[in-house]
Amino acid sequence: MTRSDLGRHDLVLAVVAVLIAAVMMGSQLAFLPADREAGDPVARTLMRTDTDARERLLIRGDGQFFAALATDPSMSRPDVLRESPRGYAYRWIRPLLSWLAWAGSLGRPGAVPSALIALTALSAGVLVLGAAMLARTLRRTPSWALATLALPGSVVILEWTGPELLATGLVLAAISLILREGRPTAPAVILLTLSVLSRETLLLVCLGLATWLWIQRGRRIQVADLAVVGIPGAVLAGWFGVVWWRTGLLPLATSGDRVSVPLRGILDVASSWTPQTVVMVGIMTSVVVLGIARAGEHRLAVVVIAAPTLIFALTLGTLVWGRWEDIGRIVLPACAVLLVAALPAAHRVAAVGVPDGA
């Protein structure tokens, strides 16, 4: 099988993922009942939730925030959200999906819900494509990359819409490129930067990559290796500055209630978990354990890359650990990396593996 054949196969997987996502979201749109008790949506731009199934899908979760922000690309109208100005600034730290929805809707507010739903389906393709690329690098069966759509963090995005599928797909592709070459490449750094602009917590994956490169170099620092965290971090910091300049508020001013003493958030809320949350947390835990156990020669790489995200998750408070929908989105990148590491080995995959010692 030639490299062009390999690329074609991965693209076919991405198309299949888009179709699966489209069916899932289309089914919801067809059967989603009106919620008369939901109250006003946080997004003031969604004004037809009683008659428009697209809007009802968005108000199930954070999709409504991105729908509102997609109508305000210049950050000039905090009133698009029924939230405090600090909350408006906090939501703008993840601009990429809103920018894409604004572009996809051609600046027409009425087209934003359709654009977001379409982008979510396309993001499922990005996720699976990135997972297939990483599977080849780790010498796993690429076809199993479709399993990433079943991760709890993926499931909730296909119910709500949001940036996590896009961010995770971009970061998986970047990890594949860096592990394959054993060094940062320009395309990989660009992908990492875009993932961080999709969701700021992806900077933790960048930190894990930088740590792996440092270990690979015999615990010596090379300036070029710092690009994997330095460039995405600098771009994110610059964007924070833009948000501060435009809104007069620090973007992370409302995030303090989401952080706690390590493990306290879990211990405080575990007794009140719904059965569904228990199952979903169990799935995520199983993926982490299986990924570490089955990673084989690539164990060091996947553990070091996933570790910062998982450690950060343990410091989150009850506001995040209270529901599987919230914690599932945060740990999705780490779970995706470890799920790929746990996939069946592919003995006929082209030799594009991680450098010796990983």
Protein backbone atom coordinates (compact mmCIF):
# COMPACT_ATOMS: atom_id res chain seq x y z
CA MET A 1 0.00 0.00 0.00
CA THR A 2 1.50 3.35 -1.07
CA ARG A 3 1.51 6.51 1.04
CA SER A 4 -1.16 7.99 -1.24
CA ASP A 5 -3.29 4.88 -0.60
CA LEU A 6 -2.77 5.34 3.14
CA GLY A 7 -3.86 8.97 2.93
CA ARG A 8 -6.90 8.03 0.83
CA HIS A 9 -7.93 5.38 3.37
CA ASP A 10 -7.73 7.89 6.22
CA LEU A 11 -9.81 10.39 4.25
CA VAL A 12 -12.44 7.72 3.68
CA LEU A 13 -12.56 7.16 7.44
CA ALA A 14 -13.01 10.91 7.94
CA VAL A 15 -15.91 10.95 5.48
CA VAL A 16 -17.53 8.01 7.27
CA ALA A 17 -17.15 9.88 10.56
CA VAL A 18 -18.84 12.97 9.08
CA LEU A 19 -21.73 10.80 7.86
CA ILE A 20 -22.09 9.15 11.29
CA ALA A 21 -22.11 12.55 12.97
CA ALA A 22 -24.61 13.91 10.44
CA VAL A 23 -26.97 10.98 11.08
CA MET A 24 -26.68 11.41 14.84
CA MET A 25 -27.35 15.12 14.73
CA GLY A 26 -30.04 14.78 12.06
CA SER A 27 -31.86 12.24 14.22
CA GLN A 28 -31.83 14.65 17.12
CA LEU A 29 -33.17 17.46 14.97
CA ALA A 30 -35.97 15.22 13.75
CA PHE A 31 -37.12 14.06 17.17
CA LEU A 32 -35.96 16.74 19.63
CA PRO A 33 -39.04 17.83 21.62
CA ALA A 34 -39.66 21.42 22.64
CA ASP A 35 -38.58 22.08 26.23
CA ARG A 36 -41.15 24.47 27.59
CA GLU A 37 -39.37 24.69 30.95
CA ALA A 38 -35.87 25.49 29.72
CA GLY A 39 -36.33 29.24 30.06
CA ASP A 40 -34.63 31.84 27.92
CA PRO A 41 -31.44 30.66 26.18
CA VAL A 42 -28.19 32.24 27.30
CA ALA A 43 -27.73 33.41 23.71
CA ARG A 44 -30.06 36.30 22.94
CA THR A 45 -29.60 35.58 19.24
CA LEU A 46 -31.58 32.33 19.57
CA MET A 47 -35.16 33.59 19.56
CA ARG A 48 -37.10 30.73 17.97
CA THR A 49 -36.34 27.79 20.22
CA ASP A 50 -40.05 26.89 20.35
CA THR A 51 -40.24 26.34 16.59
CA ASP A 52 -36.65 25.79 15.40
CA ALA A 53 -35.10 22.40 16.22
CA ARG A 54 -31.63 23.72 15.35
CA GLU A 55 -31.87 26.30 18.11
CA ARG A 56 -33.25 23.73 20.56
CA LEU A 57 -30.23 21.54 19.89
CA LEU A 58 -27.84 24.41 20.57
CA ILE A 59 -29.41 25.43 23.87
CA ARG A 60 -28.86 21.93 25.26
CA GLY A 61 -25.28 22.95 26.03
CA ASP A 62 -22.44 25.29 25.19
CA GLY A 63 -23.31 25.47 21.50
CA GLN A 64 -25.51 28.44 22.29
CA PHE A 65 -22.50 30.45 23.47
CA PHE A 66 -20.70 29.92 20.20
CA ALA A 67 -23.87 30.72 18.28
CA ALA A 68 -24.05 34.11 19.96
CA LEU A 69 -20.34 34.86 19.58
CA ALA A 70 -20.48 33.95 15.89
CA THR A 71 -22.70 37.01 15.43
CA ASP A 72 -20.19 39.26 17.23
CA PRO A 73 -16.73 38.63 15.74
CA SER A 74 -15.53 42.12 16.73
CA MET A 75 -16.44 41.61 20.43
CA SER A 76 -18.52 44.77 20.45
CA ARG A 77 -21.83 43.45 21.83
CA PRO A 78 -21.60 41.72 25.24
CA ASP A 79 -25.41 41.86 25.34
CA VAL A 80 -25.56 38.89 22.92
CA LEU A 81 -25.23 36.72 26.05
CA ARG A 82 -27.51 36.75 29.08
CA GLU A 83 -24.39 36.50 31.21
CA SER A 84 -22.19 38.87 33.12
CA PRO A 85 -19.53 40.76 31.12
CA ARG A 86 -16.92 38.57 32.80
CA GLY A 87 -18.66 35.50 31.44
CA TYR A 88 -18.67 37.06 27.98
CA ALA A 89 -14.90 37.61 28.18
CA TYR A 90 -14.41 34.04 29.42
CA ARG A 91 -16.34 32.57 26.49
CA TRP A 92 -14.24 34.49 23.98
CA ILE A 93 -11.04 32.64 24.94
CA ARG A 94 -12.12 29.90 22.48
CA PRO A 95 -12.63 31.87 19.28
CA LEU A 96 -11.89 29.46 16.42
CA LEU A 97 -15.28 27.75 16.22
CA SER A 98 -17.11 31.08 16.43
CA TRP A 99 -14.93 32.53 13.68
CA LEU A 100 -15.63 29.53 11.47
CA ALA A 101 -19.37 29.72 12.16
CA TRP A 102 -19.38 33.44 11.35
CA ALA A 103 -17.58 32.75 8.07
CA GLY A 104 -19.75 29.74 7.28
CA SER A 105 -22.93 31.71 7.90
CA LEU A 106 -21.65 34.59 5.73
CA GLY A 107 -22.34 36.90 8.65
CA ARG A 108 -26.08 36.10 8.70
CA PRO A 109 -27.32 35.40 12.26
CA GLY A 110 -30.15 33.20 11.02
CA ALA A 111 -27.68 30.85 9.34
CA VAL A 112 -25.41 30.46 12.38
CA PRO A 113 -27.22 27.42 13.88
CA SER A 114 -26.93 25.51 10.59
CA ALA A 115 -23.28 26.51 10.28
CA LEU A 116 -22.48 25.29 13.80
CA ILE A 117 -24.23 21.98 13.27
CA ALA A 118 -22.42 21.45 9.97
CA LEU A 119 -19.09 22.39 11.56
CA THR A 120 -19.67 19.88 14.35
CA ALA A 121 -20.25 17.09 11.84
CA LEU A 122 -17.14 18.12 9.92
CA SER A 123 -15.20 18.24 13.20
CA ALA A 124 -16.02 14.57 13.72
CA GLY A 125 -14.15 13.94 10.48
CA VAL A 126 -11.20 15.98 11.72
CA LEU A 127 -11.16 13.95 14.95
CA VAL A 128 -11.15 10.60 13.19
CA LEU A 129 -8.60 11.74 10.60
CA GLY A 130 -6.25 12.87 13.39
CA ALA A 131 -6.81 9.61 15.27
CA ALA A 132 -6.10 7.56 12.12
CA MET A 133 -2.87 9.48 11.57
CA LEU A 134 -1.77 8.84 15.15
CA ALA A 135 -2.80 5.19 14.86
CA ARG A 136 -0.44 4.75 11.91
CA THR A 137 2.37 6.43 13.79
CA LEU A 138 1.82 4.12 16.79
CA ARG A 139 1.39 1.13 14.44
CA ARG A 140 -2.24 0.59 15.36
CA THR A 141 -5.14 -0.33 13.05
CA PRO A 142 -6.34 3.00 11.58
CA SER A 143 -9.89 1.79 10.91
CA TRP A 144 -10.45 1.62 14.64
CA ALA A 145 -9.99 5.39 14.81
CA LEU A 146 -13.77 5.62 14.40
CA ALA A 147 -13.97 4.44 18.03
CA THR A 148 -12.98 7.96 19.13
CA LEU A 149 -16.53 9.04 18.26
CA ALA A 150 -17.78 6.83 21.12
CA LEU A 151 -15.71 8.58 23.79
CA PRO A 152 -17.92 10.43 26.28
CA GLY A 153 -16.45 13.80 25.31
CA SER A 154 -17.26 13.12 21.66
CA VAL A 155 -20.79 11.95 22.40
CA VAL A 156 -21.69 15.12 24.26
CA ILE A 157 -20.41 17.37 21.48
CA LEU A 158 -22.53 15.46 18.96
CA GLU A 159 -25.48 16.23 21.25
CA TRP A 160 -24.59 19.89 21.95
CA THR A 161 -22.07 21.16 19.38
CA GLY A 162 -18.81 22.74 20.55
CA PRO A 163 -15.09 23.03 19.72
CA GLU A 164 -13.69 19.93 21.42
CA LEU A 165 -13.88 17.52 18.47
CA LEU A 166 -12.11 20.03 16.25
CA ALA A 167 -9.47 20.83 18.89
CA THR A 168 -8.79 17.16 19.62
CA GLY A 169 -8.55 16.18 15.95
CA LEU A 170 -6.07 18.96 15.28
CA VAL A 171 -3.92 18.02 18.26
CA LEU A 172 -3.93 14.30 17.39
CA ALA A 173 -2.67 15.11 13.90
CA ALA A 174 0.06 17.34 15.40
CA ILE A 175 1.10 14.61 17.85
CA SER A 176 1.36 12.15 14.98
CA LEU A 177 3.63 14.46 12.99
CA ILE A 178 5.90 15.21 15.95
CA LEU A 179 6.21 11.60 17.13
CA ARG A 180 6.89 10.48 13.58
CA GLU A 181 9.67 13.01 13.02
CA GLY A 182 10.96 13.14 16.58
CA ARG A 183 10.96 16.93 16.39
CA PRO A 184 8.57 19.86 15.89
CA THR A 185 7.59 20.65 12.33
CA ALA A 186 5.95 23.81 11.03
CA PRO A 187 2.65 22.05 10.13
CA ALA A 188 2.54 20.45 13.58
CA VAL A 189 3.06 23.76 15.38
CA ILE A 190 0.35 25.38 13.25
CA LEU A 191 -2.06 22.56 14.12
CA LEU A 192 -1.21 22.91 17.83
CA THR A 193 -1.83 26.65 17.68
CA LEU A 194 -5.21 26.17 16.02
CA SER A 195 -6.17 23.56 18.62
CA VAL A 196 -5.32 25.97 21.44
CA LEU A 197 -7.45 28.67 19.80
CA SER A 198 -10.26 26.12 19.72
CA ARG A 199 -9.97 25.39 23.43
CA GLU A 200 -7.33 26.81 25.75
CA THR A 201 -6.88 23.58 27.75
CA LEU A 202 -5.20 22.01 24.70
CA LEU A 203 -2.12 23.95 25.81
CA LEU A 204 -1.72 21.13 28.36
CA VAL A 205 -1.18 18.69 25.50
CA CYS A 206 1.45 21.05 24.09
CA LEU A 207 3.16 20.96 27.49
CA GLY A 208 3.10 17.16 27.41
CA LEU A 209 4.67 17.14 23.94
CA ALA A 210 7.41 19.55 25.04
CA THR A 211 8.12 17.32 28.03
CA TRP A 212 8.37 14.23 25.81
CA LEU A 213 10.80 16.00 23.48
CA TRP A 214 12.88 17.05 26.49
CA ILE A 215 13.03 13.44 27.70
CA GLN A 216 13.91 12.23 24.20
CA ARG A 217 16.85 14.63 24.12
CA GLY A 218 18.30 13.13 27.29
CA ARG A 219 16.69 15.87 29.41
CA ARG A 220 18.34 18.62 27.41
CA ILE A 221 16.46 21.64 26.15
CA GLN A 222 16.55 22.53 22.48
CA VAL A 223 15.17 25.89 21.49
CA ALA A 224 13.30 24.42 18.50
CA ASP A 225 11.48 21.97 20.78
CA LEU A 226 10.09 24.83 22.86
CA ALA A 227 8.05 25.89 19.81
CA VAL A 228 5.43 23.22 20.55
CA VAL A 229 4.39 25.04 23.70
CA GLY A 230 5.95 28.48 23.18
CA ILE A 231 4.23 29.44 19.92
CA PRO A 232 0.73 28.20 20.82
CA GLY A 233 1.16 29.73 24.29
CA ALA A 234 2.27 33.07 22.88
CA VAL A 235 -0.62 33.17 20.40
CA LEU A 236 -3.10 32.30 23.15
CA ALA A 237 -1.61 34.96 25.44
CA GLY A 238 -1.86 37.46 22.61
CA TRP A 239 -5.50 36.56 22.09
CA PHE A 240 -6.14 36.96 25.83
CA GLY A 241 -4.69 40.43 25.47
CA VAL A 242 -7.05 41.21 22.59
CA VAL A 243 -10.03 40.03 24.65
CA TRP A 244 -8.87 42.17 27.57
CA TRP A 245 -8.41 45.18 25.29
CA ARG A 246 -11.84 44.75 23.67
CA THR A 247 -13.82 43.92 26.81
CA GLY A 248 -11.75 45.51 29.60
CA LEU A 249 -11.92 42.21 31.50
CA LEU A 250 -9.51 39.35 32.14
CA PRO A 251 -10.68 36.29 30.19
CA LEU A 252 -10.16 33.84 33.06
CA ALA A 253 -11.79 36.02 35.72
CA THR A 254 -14.69 33.56 36.13
CA SER A 255 -12.72 30.33 36.06
CA GLY A 256 -11.73 30.23 39.73
CA ASP A 257 -14.85 28.30 40.80
CA ARG A 258 -13.88 25.52 38.41
CA VAL A 259 -10.61 24.70 40.24
CA SER A 260 -10.21 22.98 43.60
CA VAL A 261 -7.79 21.03 45.77
CA PRO A 262 -6.70 17.88 43.90
CA LEU A 263 -9.34 15.11 44.09
CA ARG A 264 -11.66 17.20 46.25
CA GLY A 265 -14.02 17.93 43.39
CA ILE A 266 -14.44 14.20 42.70
CA LEU A 267 -14.83 13.23 46.35
CA ASP A 268 -17.37 15.97 47.05
CA VAL A 269 -19.67 15.10 44.18
CA ALA A 270 -19.20 11.39 43.42
CA SER A 271 -21.96 10.31 45.81
CA SER A 272 -24.50 12.39 43.85
CA TRP A 273 -23.53 11.20 40.36
CA THR A 274 -26.35 9.97 38.17
CA PRO A 275 -26.10 6.38 36.89
CA GLN A 276 -25.19 7.76 33.45
CA THR A 277 -22.34 9.81 34.91
CA VAL A 278 -21.05 6.75 36.78
CA VAL A 279 -21.00 4.77 33.53
CA MET A 280 -19.33 7.53 31.53
CA VAL A 281 -16.65 8.20 34.17
CA GLY A 282 -16.06 4.44 34.24
CA ILE A 283 -15.57 4.41 30.45
CA MET A 284 -13.07 7.26 30.61
CA THR A 285 -11.17 5.59 33.45
CA SER A 286 -11.08 2.31 31.54
CA VAL A 287 -9.73 4.03 28.43
CA VAL A 288 -6.92 5.60 30.46
CA VAL A 289 -5.99 2.29 32.12
CA LEU A 290 -6.18 0.27 28.89
CA GLY A 291 -4.21 2.86 26.97
CA ILE A 292 -1.38 2.81 29.47
CA ALA A 293 -1.43 -1.01 29.68
CA ARG A 294 -1.48 -1.63 25.91
CA ALA A 295 0.81 1.18 24.72
CA GLY A 296 3.83 -1.10 24.71
CA GLU A 297 6.93 0.55 23.24
CA HIS A 298 5.04 3.86 22.97
CA ARG A 299 3.97 3.97 26.62
CA LEU A 300 6.35 6.74 27.62
CA ALA A 301 5.21 8.96 24.76
CA VAL A 302 1.45 8.63 25.29
CA VAL A 303 1.63 8.83 29.08
CA VAL A 304 3.80 11.95 29.09
CA ILE A 305 1.61 13.63 26.47
CA ALA A 306 -1.65 12.81 28.24
CA ALA A 307 -0.43 13.37 31.82
CA PRO A 308 -0.79 17.19 32.08
CA THR A 309 -4.45 17.03 30.99
CA LEU A 310 -5.26 14.19 33.39
CA ILE A 311 -3.45 15.86 36.30
CA PHE A 312 -5.27 19.11 35.59
CA ALA A 313 -8.60 17.23 35.58
CA LEU A 314 -7.93 16.01 39.12
CA THR A 315 -7.70 19.64 40.31
CA LEU A 316 -11.11 20.62 38.94
CA GLY A 317 -14.01 21.34 41.25
CA THR A 318 -17.55 20.07 41.64
CA LEU A 319 -18.80 22.42 38.92
CA VAL A 320 -16.90 20.29 36.39
CA TRP A 321 -16.99 16.86 38.03
CA GLY A 322 -20.71 17.06 38.72
CA ARG A 323 -21.65 15.87 35.23
CA TRP A 324 -19.97 13.57 32.72
CA GLU A 325 -20.77 16.06 29.97
CA ASP A 326 -18.41 18.61 31.51
CA ILE A 327 -15.43 16.50 32.57
CA GLY A 328 -15.73 14.38 29.41
CA ARG A 329 -15.02 17.37 27.18
CA ILE A 330 -11.95 18.43 29.17
CA VAL A 331 -10.26 15.03 29.19
CA LEU A 332 -11.24 14.17 25.58
CA PRO A 333 -7.74 14.87 24.15
CA ALA A 334 -6.02 12.66 26.73
CA CYS A 335 -8.63 9.91 26.35
CA ALA A 336 -8.31 10.05 22.56
CA VAL A 337 -4.52 9.65 22.70
CA LEU A 338 -4.77 6.72 25.10
CA LEU A 339 -7.63 5.12 23.17
CA VAL A 340 -5.50 5.12 20.01
CA ALA A 341 -2.64 3.56 22.00
CA ALA A 342 -5.03 0.80 23.11
CA LEU A 343 -6.22 -0.08 19.59
CA PRO A 344 -5.29 -3.44 18.00
CA ALA A 345 -1.82 -3.56 16.54
CA ALA A 346 -1.54 -3.29 12.76
CA HIS A 347 1.35 -5.42 11.55
CA ARG A 348 1.12 -4.19 7.98
CA VAL A 349 1.04 -0.47 8.69
CA ALA A 350 3.85 1.41 6.96
CA ALA A 351 6.91 1.99 9.12
CA VAL A 352 6.24 5.52 10.32
CA GLY A 353 6.67 4.86 14.00
CA VAL A 354 8.03 6.75 16.96
CA PRO A 355 11.80 7.01 17.29
CA ASP A 356 13.53 4.36 19.35
CA GLY A 357 13.28 4.87 23.09
CA ALA A 358 9.82 6.42 23.08
